[in-house]
C-alpha atoms as a PDB file:
ATOM      1  CA  MET A   1      -1.609  -9.723 -12.031  1.00  0.00           C
ATOM      2  CA  SER A   2      -4.757 -11.719 -11.995  1.00  0.00           C
ATOM      3  CA  ALA A   3      -3.904 -14.403  -9.431  1.00  0.00           C
ATOM      4  CA  PRO A   4      -4.591 -13.747  -5.743  1.00  0.00           C
ATOM      5  CA  PHE A   5      -1.659 -13.683  -3.365  1.00  0.00           C
ATOM      6  CA  PRO A   6      -1.710 -16.626  -0.957  1.00  0.00           C
ATOM      7  CA  SER A   7      -0.994 -16.215   2.762  1.00  0.00           C
ATOM      8  CA  LEU A   8      -0.161 -12.536   2.883  1.00  0.00           C
ATOM      9  CA  PRO A   9       1.223 -11.092   6.101  1.00  0.00           C
ATOM     10  CA  THR A  10      -1.335  -9.126   8.110  1.00  0.00           C
ATOM     11  CA  THR A  11       1.339  -6.839   9.567  1.00  0.00           C
ATOM     12  CA  GLY A  12       4.833  -5.753   8.656  1.00  0.00           C
ATOM     13  CA  ILE A  13       6.811  -4.591   5.660  1.00  0.00           C
ATOM     14  CA  ILE A  14       6.560  -6.158   2.224  1.00  0.00           C
ATOM     15  CA  ALA A  15       9.130  -5.253  -0.444  1.00  0.00           C
ATOM     16  CA  VAL A  16       8.609  -5.557  -4.202  1.00  0.00           C
ATOM     17  CA  ASP A  17      12.009  -5.246  -5.880  1.00  0.00           C
ATOM     18  CA  GLY A  18      13.594  -5.997  -9.234  1.00  0.00           C
ATOM     19  CA  PRO A  19      14.968  -4.187 -12.264  1.00  0.00           C
ATOM     20  CA  SER A  20      13.303  -1.152 -13.800  1.00  0.00           C
ATOM     21  CA  GLY A  21      10.616  -1.961 -16.326  1.00  0.00           C
ATOM     22  CA  SER A  22      10.022  -5.462 -14.941  1.00  0.00           C
ATOM     23  CA  GLY A  23       6.490  -4.910 -13.643  1.00  0.00           C
ATOM     24  CA  LYS A  24       7.055  -4.063  -9.976  1.00  0.00           C
ATOM     25  CA  SER A  25       4.457  -1.278  -9.926  1.00  0.00           C
ATOM     26  CA  THR A  26       1.794  -3.493 -11.493  1.00  0.00           C
ATOM     27  CA  PHE A  27       2.564  -6.316  -9.063  1.00  0.00           C
ATOM     28  CA  ALA A  28       2.543  -3.956  -6.056  1.00  0.00           C
ATOM     29  CA  ALA A  29      -0.763  -2.371  -7.124  1.00  0.00           C
ATOM     30  CA  ALA A  30      -2.397  -5.817  -7.303  1.00  0.00           C
ATOM     31  CA  LEU A  31      -0.927  -6.706  -3.927  1.00  0.00           C
ATOM     32  CA  VAL A  32      -2.222  -3.522  -2.305  1.00  0.00           C
ATOM     33  CA  ALA A  33      -5.639  -4.034  -3.918  1.00  0.00           C
ATOM     34  CA  GLN A  34      -5.850  -7.455  -2.291  1.00  0.00           C
ATOM     35  CA  LEU A  35      -4.688  -6.127   1.089  1.00  0.00           C
ATOM     36  CA  GLY A  36      -7.200  -3.284   0.875  1.00  0.00           C
ATOM     37  CA  HIS A  37      -7.440  -0.819   3.733  1.00  0.00           C
ATOM     38  CA  ARG A  38      -4.785  -2.741   5.704  1.00  0.00           C
ATOM     39  CA  ALA A  39      -1.951  -1.509   3.450  1.00  0.00           C
ATOM     40  CA  VAL A  40      -0.129   1.658   2.525  1.00  0.00           C
ATOM     41  CA  LEU A  41       2.104   1.788  -0.557  1.00  0.00           C
ATOM     42  CA  VAL A  42       5.290   3.841  -0.872  1.00  0.00           C
ATOM     43  CA  GLY A  43       7.436   3.722  -4.004  1.00  0.00           C
ATOM     44  CA  THR A  44      11.182   4.263  -4.031  1.00  0.00           C
ATOM     45  CA  ASP A  45      10.642   6.466  -7.110  1.00  0.00           C
ATOM     46  CA  GLU A  46       9.341   9.063  -4.654  1.00  0.00           C
ATOM     47  CA  PHE A  47      12.928   9.352  -3.334  1.00  0.00           C
ATOM     48  CA  ALA A  48      15.350   8.287  -6.055  1.00  0.00           C
ATOM     49  CA  THR A  49      16.781  10.642  -8.657  1.00  0.00           C
ATOM     50  CA  TRP A  50      18.900  10.058 -11.756  1.00  0.00           C
ATOM     51  CA  ASP A  51      22.044  11.114  -9.897  1.00  0.00           C
ATOM     52  CA  ASN A  52      21.086   9.555  -6.550  1.00  0.00           C
ATOM     53  CA  PRO A  53      19.643   6.112  -7.325  1.00  0.00           C
ATOM     54  CA  VAL A  54      19.945   4.591  -3.826  1.00  0.00           C
ATOM     55  CA  ALA A  55      21.792   6.888  -1.378  1.00  0.00           C
ATOM     56  CA  TRP A  56      18.531   8.542  -0.246  1.00  0.00           C
ATOM     57  CA  TRP A  57      17.944   5.635   2.139  1.00  0.00           C
ATOM     58  CA  PRO A  58      18.453   7.613   5.414  1.00  0.00           C
ATOM     59  CA  GLU A  59      15.655   9.976   4.339  1.00  0.00           C
ATOM     60  CA  PHE A  60      13.420   6.968   3.624  1.00  0.00           C
ATOM     61  CA  VAL A  61      14.192   5.445   7.022  1.00  0.00           C
ATOM     62  CA  ALA A  62      13.425   8.710   8.834  1.00  0.00           C
ATOM     63  CA  GLY A  63      10.173   9.468   7.010  1.00  0.00           C
ATOM     64  CA  VAL A  64       8.771   6.015   6.282  1.00  0.00           C
ATOM     65  CA  LEU A  65      10.372   3.066   8.073  1.00  0.00           C
ATOM     66  CA  ALA A  66      10.943   4.597  11.517  1.00  0.00           C
ATOM     67  CA  PRO A  67       7.402   6.001  11.845  1.00  0.00           C
ATOM     68  CA  PHE A  68       5.903   2.771  10.486  1.00  0.00           C
ATOM     69  CA  GLU A  69       7.731   0.697  13.102  1.00  0.00           C
ATOM     70  CA  VAL A  70       6.218   2.726  15.964  1.00  0.00           C
ATOM     71  CA  GLY A  71       2.699   2.972  14.503  1.00  0.00           C
ATOM     72  CA  GLU A  72       2.876   6.623  13.430  1.00  0.00           C
ATOM     73  CA  ASP A  73       1.788   8.199  10.166  1.00  0.00           C
ATOM     74  CA  LEU A  74       4.448   8.331   7.473  1.00  0.00           C
ATOM     75  CA  ARG A  75       5.787  11.832   6.679  1.00  0.00           C
ATOM     76  CA  TYR A  76       8.176  12.581   3.856  1.00  0.00           C
ATOM     77  CA  ARG A  77       8.837  14.922   0.939  1.00  0.00           C
ATOM     78  CA  PRO A  78       8.684  13.050  -2.377  1.00  0.00           C
ATOM     79  CA  ARG A  79      10.578  14.287  -5.395  1.00  0.00           C
ATOM     80  CA  SER A  80       8.845  16.425  -7.988  1.00  0.00           C
ATOM     81  CA  TRP A  81      10.328  16.602 -11.454  1.00  0.00           C
ATOM     82  CA  ARG A  82      10.996  19.807 -13.366  1.00  0.00           C
ATOM     83  CA  GLY A  83      12.400  18.557 -16.638  1.00  0.00           C
ATOM     84  CA  ASP A  84      15.487  16.513 -15.705  1.00  0.00           C
ATOM     85  CA  GLU A  85      15.777  18.083 -12.259  1.00  0.00           C
ATOM     86  CA  ALA A  86      14.256  16.492  -9.146  1.00  0.00           C
ATOM     87  CA  VAL A  87      13.344  18.734  -6.241  1.00  0.00           C
ATOM     88  CA  ARG A  88      11.846  17.843  -2.903  1.00  0.00           C
ATOM     89  CA  GLY A  89       8.137  18.503  -3.008  1.00  0.00           C
ATOM     90  CA  PRO A  90       5.785  19.396  -0.170  1.00  0.00           C
ATOM     91  CA  GLU A  91       5.406  17.014   2.733  1.00  0.00           C
ATOM     92  CA  VAL A  92       3.141  14.036   2.178  1.00  0.00           C
ATOM     93  CA  VAL A  93       1.418  12.339   5.101  1.00  0.00           C
ATOM     94  CA  ARG A  94       0.317   8.750   4.666  1.00  0.00           C
ATOM     95  CA  GLU A  95      -1.895   7.266   7.338  1.00  0.00           C
ATOM     96  CA  TRP A  96      -0.309   4.365   9.195  1.00  0.00           C
ATOM     97  CA  ARG A  97      -1.627   0.949   8.211  1.00  0.00           C
ATOM     98  CA  PRO A  98      -0.516  -2.434   9.579  1.00  0.00           C
ATOM     99  CA  VAL A  99       1.117  -3.402   6.260  1.00  0.00           C
ATOM    100  CA  LEU A 100       3.646  -1.219   4.489  1.00  0.00           C
ATOM    101  CA  VAL A 101       4.305  -2.175   0.871  1.00  0.00           C
ATOM    102  CA  VAL A 102       7.553  -0.701  -0.446  1.00  0.00           C
ATOM    103  CA  GLU A 103       7.887  -0.930  -4.222  1.00  0.00           C
ATOM    104  CA  GLY A 104      10.905  -0.122  -6.312  1.00  0.00           C
ATOM    105  CA  VAL A 105      14.548  -0.690  -7.080  1.00  0.00           C
ATOM    106  CA  SER A 106      16.440  -1.358  -3.824  1.00  0.00           C
ATOM    107  CA  SER A 107      13.306  -1.779  -1.671  1.00  0.00           C
ATOM    108  CA  ALA A 108      14.529  -5.206  -0.480  1.00  0.00           C
ATOM    109  CA  ARG A 109      18.123  -4.042   0.028  1.00  0.00           C
ATOM    110  CA  ARG A 110      20.345  -5.779   2.539  1.00  0.00           C
ATOM    111  CA  ALA A 111      19.950  -2.892   5.034  1.00  0.00           C
ATOM    112  CA  VAL A 112      16.241  -3.686   5.544  1.00  0.00           C
ATOM    113  CA  ALA A 113      16.187  -7.433   4.892  1.00  0.00           C
ATOM    114  CA  SER A 114      15.835  -8.431   8.557  1.00  0.00           C
ATOM    115  CA  GLN A 115      12.774  -6.165   8.942  1.00  0.00           C
ATOM    116  CA  LEU A 116      10.825  -7.546   5.984  1.00  0.00           C
ATOM    117  CA  SER A 117       7.820  -9.821   6.408  1.00  0.00           C
ATOM    118  CA  ARG A 118       8.049 -10.725   2.709  1.00  0.00           C
ATOM    119  CA  ALA A 119      10.260  -9.775  -0.225  1.00  0.00           C
ATOM    120  CA  TRP A 120       9.430 -10.396  -3.862  1.00  0.00           C
ATOM    121  CA  TRP A 121      11.743 -10.023  -6.841  1.00  0.00           C
ATOM    122  CA  ILE A 122       9.883  -9.354 -10.075  1.00  0.00           C
ATOM    123  CA  ASP A 123      11.467 -10.956 -13.126  1.00  0.00           C
ATOM    124  CA  TRP A 124      10.432 -10.122 -16.635  1.00  0.00           C
ATOM    125  CA  GLY A 125      12.097  -9.687 -19.993  1.00  0.00           C
ATOM    126  CA  SER A 126      15.508  -8.943 -21.345  1.00  0.00           C
ATOM    127  CA  PRO A 127      17.270  -5.652 -20.589  1.00  0.00           C
ATOM    128  CA  ARG A 128      16.105  -4.399 -24.009  1.00  0.00           C
ATOM    129  CA  GLN A 129      12.466  -5.285 -23.244  1.00  0.00           C
ATOM    130  CA  ARG A 130      12.632  -3.719 -19.790  1.00  0.00           C
ATOM    131  CA  LEU A 131      14.176  -0.543 -21.211  1.00  0.00           C
ATOM    132  CA  ALA A 132      11.388  -0.343 -23.790  1.00  0.00           C
ATOM    133  CA  ALA A 133       8.779  -0.770 -21.034  1.00  0.00           C
ATOM    134  CA  ALA A 134      10.413   1.921 -18.894  1.00  0.00           C
ATOM    135  CA  VAL A 135      10.648   4.330 -21.846  1.00  0.00           C
ATOM    136  CA  ALA A 136       6.970   3.677 -22.650  1.00  0.00           C
ATOM    137  CA  ARG A 137       6.135   4.639 -19.061  1.00  0.00           C
ATOM    138  CA  GLU A 138       8.506   7.627 -18.654  1.00  0.00           C
ATOM    139  CA  GLY A 139       8.713   8.980 -22.198  1.00  0.00           C
ATOM    140  CA  GLU A 140      11.317   8.961 -24.947  1.00  0.00           C
ATOM    141  CA  GLN A 141      13.095  11.965 -23.433  1.00  0.00           C
ATOM    142  CA  SER A 142      14.119   9.712 -20.508  1.00  0.00           C
ATOM    143  CA  ARG A 143      15.737   6.954 -22.614  1.00  0.00           C
ATOM    144  CA  ALA A 144      19.382   7.953 -21.907  1.00  0.00           C
ATOM    145  CA  HIS A 145      18.678   8.308 -18.170  1.00  0.00           C
ATOM    146  CA  LEU A 146      16.872   4.968 -18.078  1.00  0.00           C
ATOM    147  CA  ALA A 147      19.693   3.187 -19.921  1.00  0.00           C
ATOM    148  CA  ALA A 148      22.213   4.610 -17.422  1.00  0.00           C
ATOM    149  CA  TRP A 149      19.882   3.582 -14.579  1.00  0.00           C
ATOM    150  CA  GLN A 150      19.801   0.009 -15.921  1.00  0.00           C
ATOM    151  CA  ARG A 151      23.610  -0.119 -15.879  1.00  0.00           C
ATOM    152  CA  PHE A 152      23.638   1.228 -12.317  1.00  0.00           C
ATOM    153  CA  GLU A 153      21.035  -1.217 -11.036  1.00  0.00           C
ATOM    154  CA  ASP A 154      22.875  -4.194 -12.548  1.00  0.00           C
ATOM    155  CA  GLY A 155      25.881  -3.291 -10.405  1.00  0.00           C
ATOM    156  CA  TRP A 156      23.758  -2.507  -7.351  1.00  0.00           C
ATOM    157  CA  PHE A 157      21.932  -5.832  -7.466  1.00  0.00           C
ATOM    158  CA  ALA A 158      25.172  -7.776  -8.008  1.00  0.00           C
ATOM    159  CA  VAL A 159      26.795  -6.220  -4.933  1.00  0.00           C
ATOM    160  CA  ASP A 160      23.692  -6.184  -2.704  1.00  0.00           C
ATOM    161  CA  ARG A 161      22.641  -9.692  -3.840  1.00  0.00           C
ATOM    162  CA  THR A 162      19.027  -8.588  -3.551  1.00  0.00           C
ATOM    163  CA  ARG A 163      17.496 -11.263  -5.771  1.00  0.00           C
ATOM    164  CA  GLN A 164      18.962 -14.069  -3.644  1.00  0.00           C
ATOM    165  CA  ARG A 165      16.967 -12.891  -0.595  1.00  0.00           C
ATOM    166  CA  CYS A 166      13.622 -12.614  -2.389  1.00  0.00           C
ATOM    167  CA  VAL A 167      10.907 -14.912  -3.628  1.00  0.00           C
ATOM    168  CA  VAL A 168      11.326 -14.684  -7.406  1.00  0.00           C
ATOM    169  CA  VAL A 169       8.176 -14.078  -9.425  1.00  0.00           C
ATOM    170  CA  ASP A 170       8.472 -14.548 -13.174  1.00  0.00           C
ATOM    171  CA  ILE A 171       5.652 -12.509 -14.636  1.00  0.00           C
ATOM    172  CA  GLY A 172       6.626 -13.254 -18.228  1.00  0.00           C
ATOM    173  CA  ARG A 173       3.492 -15.267 -18.739  1.00  0.00           C
ATOM    174  CA  ASP A 174       1.335 -12.378 -17.511  1.00  0.00           C
ATOM    175  CA  ARG A 175       2.778  -9.628 -19.747  1.00  0.00           C
ATOM    176  CA  ARG A 176       2.529  -9.118 -23.455  1.00  0.00           C
ATOM    177  CA  GLU A 177       5.752  -8.222 -25.198  1.00  0.00           C
END
C-alpha cells in the first residue's frame, strides 16, 4: 500500500475485512502507519480458531469493543497456537487510542456495522491465489485448514452481506501474483 489514505477518521472504529489471503493485514498495517500514535490495531486472528471462525465475538466485545467505547485500555487473551490447537494465551493490554483498527475476517460484520466510522473490504485474486497467499503466510501444514476456512468464509460473507456495507478496495494492481 503506497498511496496515503484520504480523510481518515480521527476517532472511532475502522474495520478492514475481506477473504483470507486478500491483503487485509498489509492494508491495515499501512493504515495504522499513517494514523500513527492515534491508532491501536487488533486482528481477529487473535481470537479465531479453525473450529471457531466467528463465534468468539462476545469475547471480542468484552475485551476490545466495550473498553474502547468508554476510553479504557483493551484487555483480552489472544490465542496461542500449539500445533493445530489454539489455547488462550496470557492477557494482553493495549493502551487506548482514539482510533481502533480491527483487521480480519468478520471485522465489519453486521453486529458492529452501526458502530464503525469506516469499513473497507479488501479484494484481491481468485480463491486459488488467495489460498496460495495464505499458505505462504501460514505454512504448507495449514493448507487443509485454510481451504476449509475459505469455504466457511464464503458462506459467512454471503449470509452476513459484509462486502455490501464496505468501501471495496481492489488491491490487485498493488500486489504481484
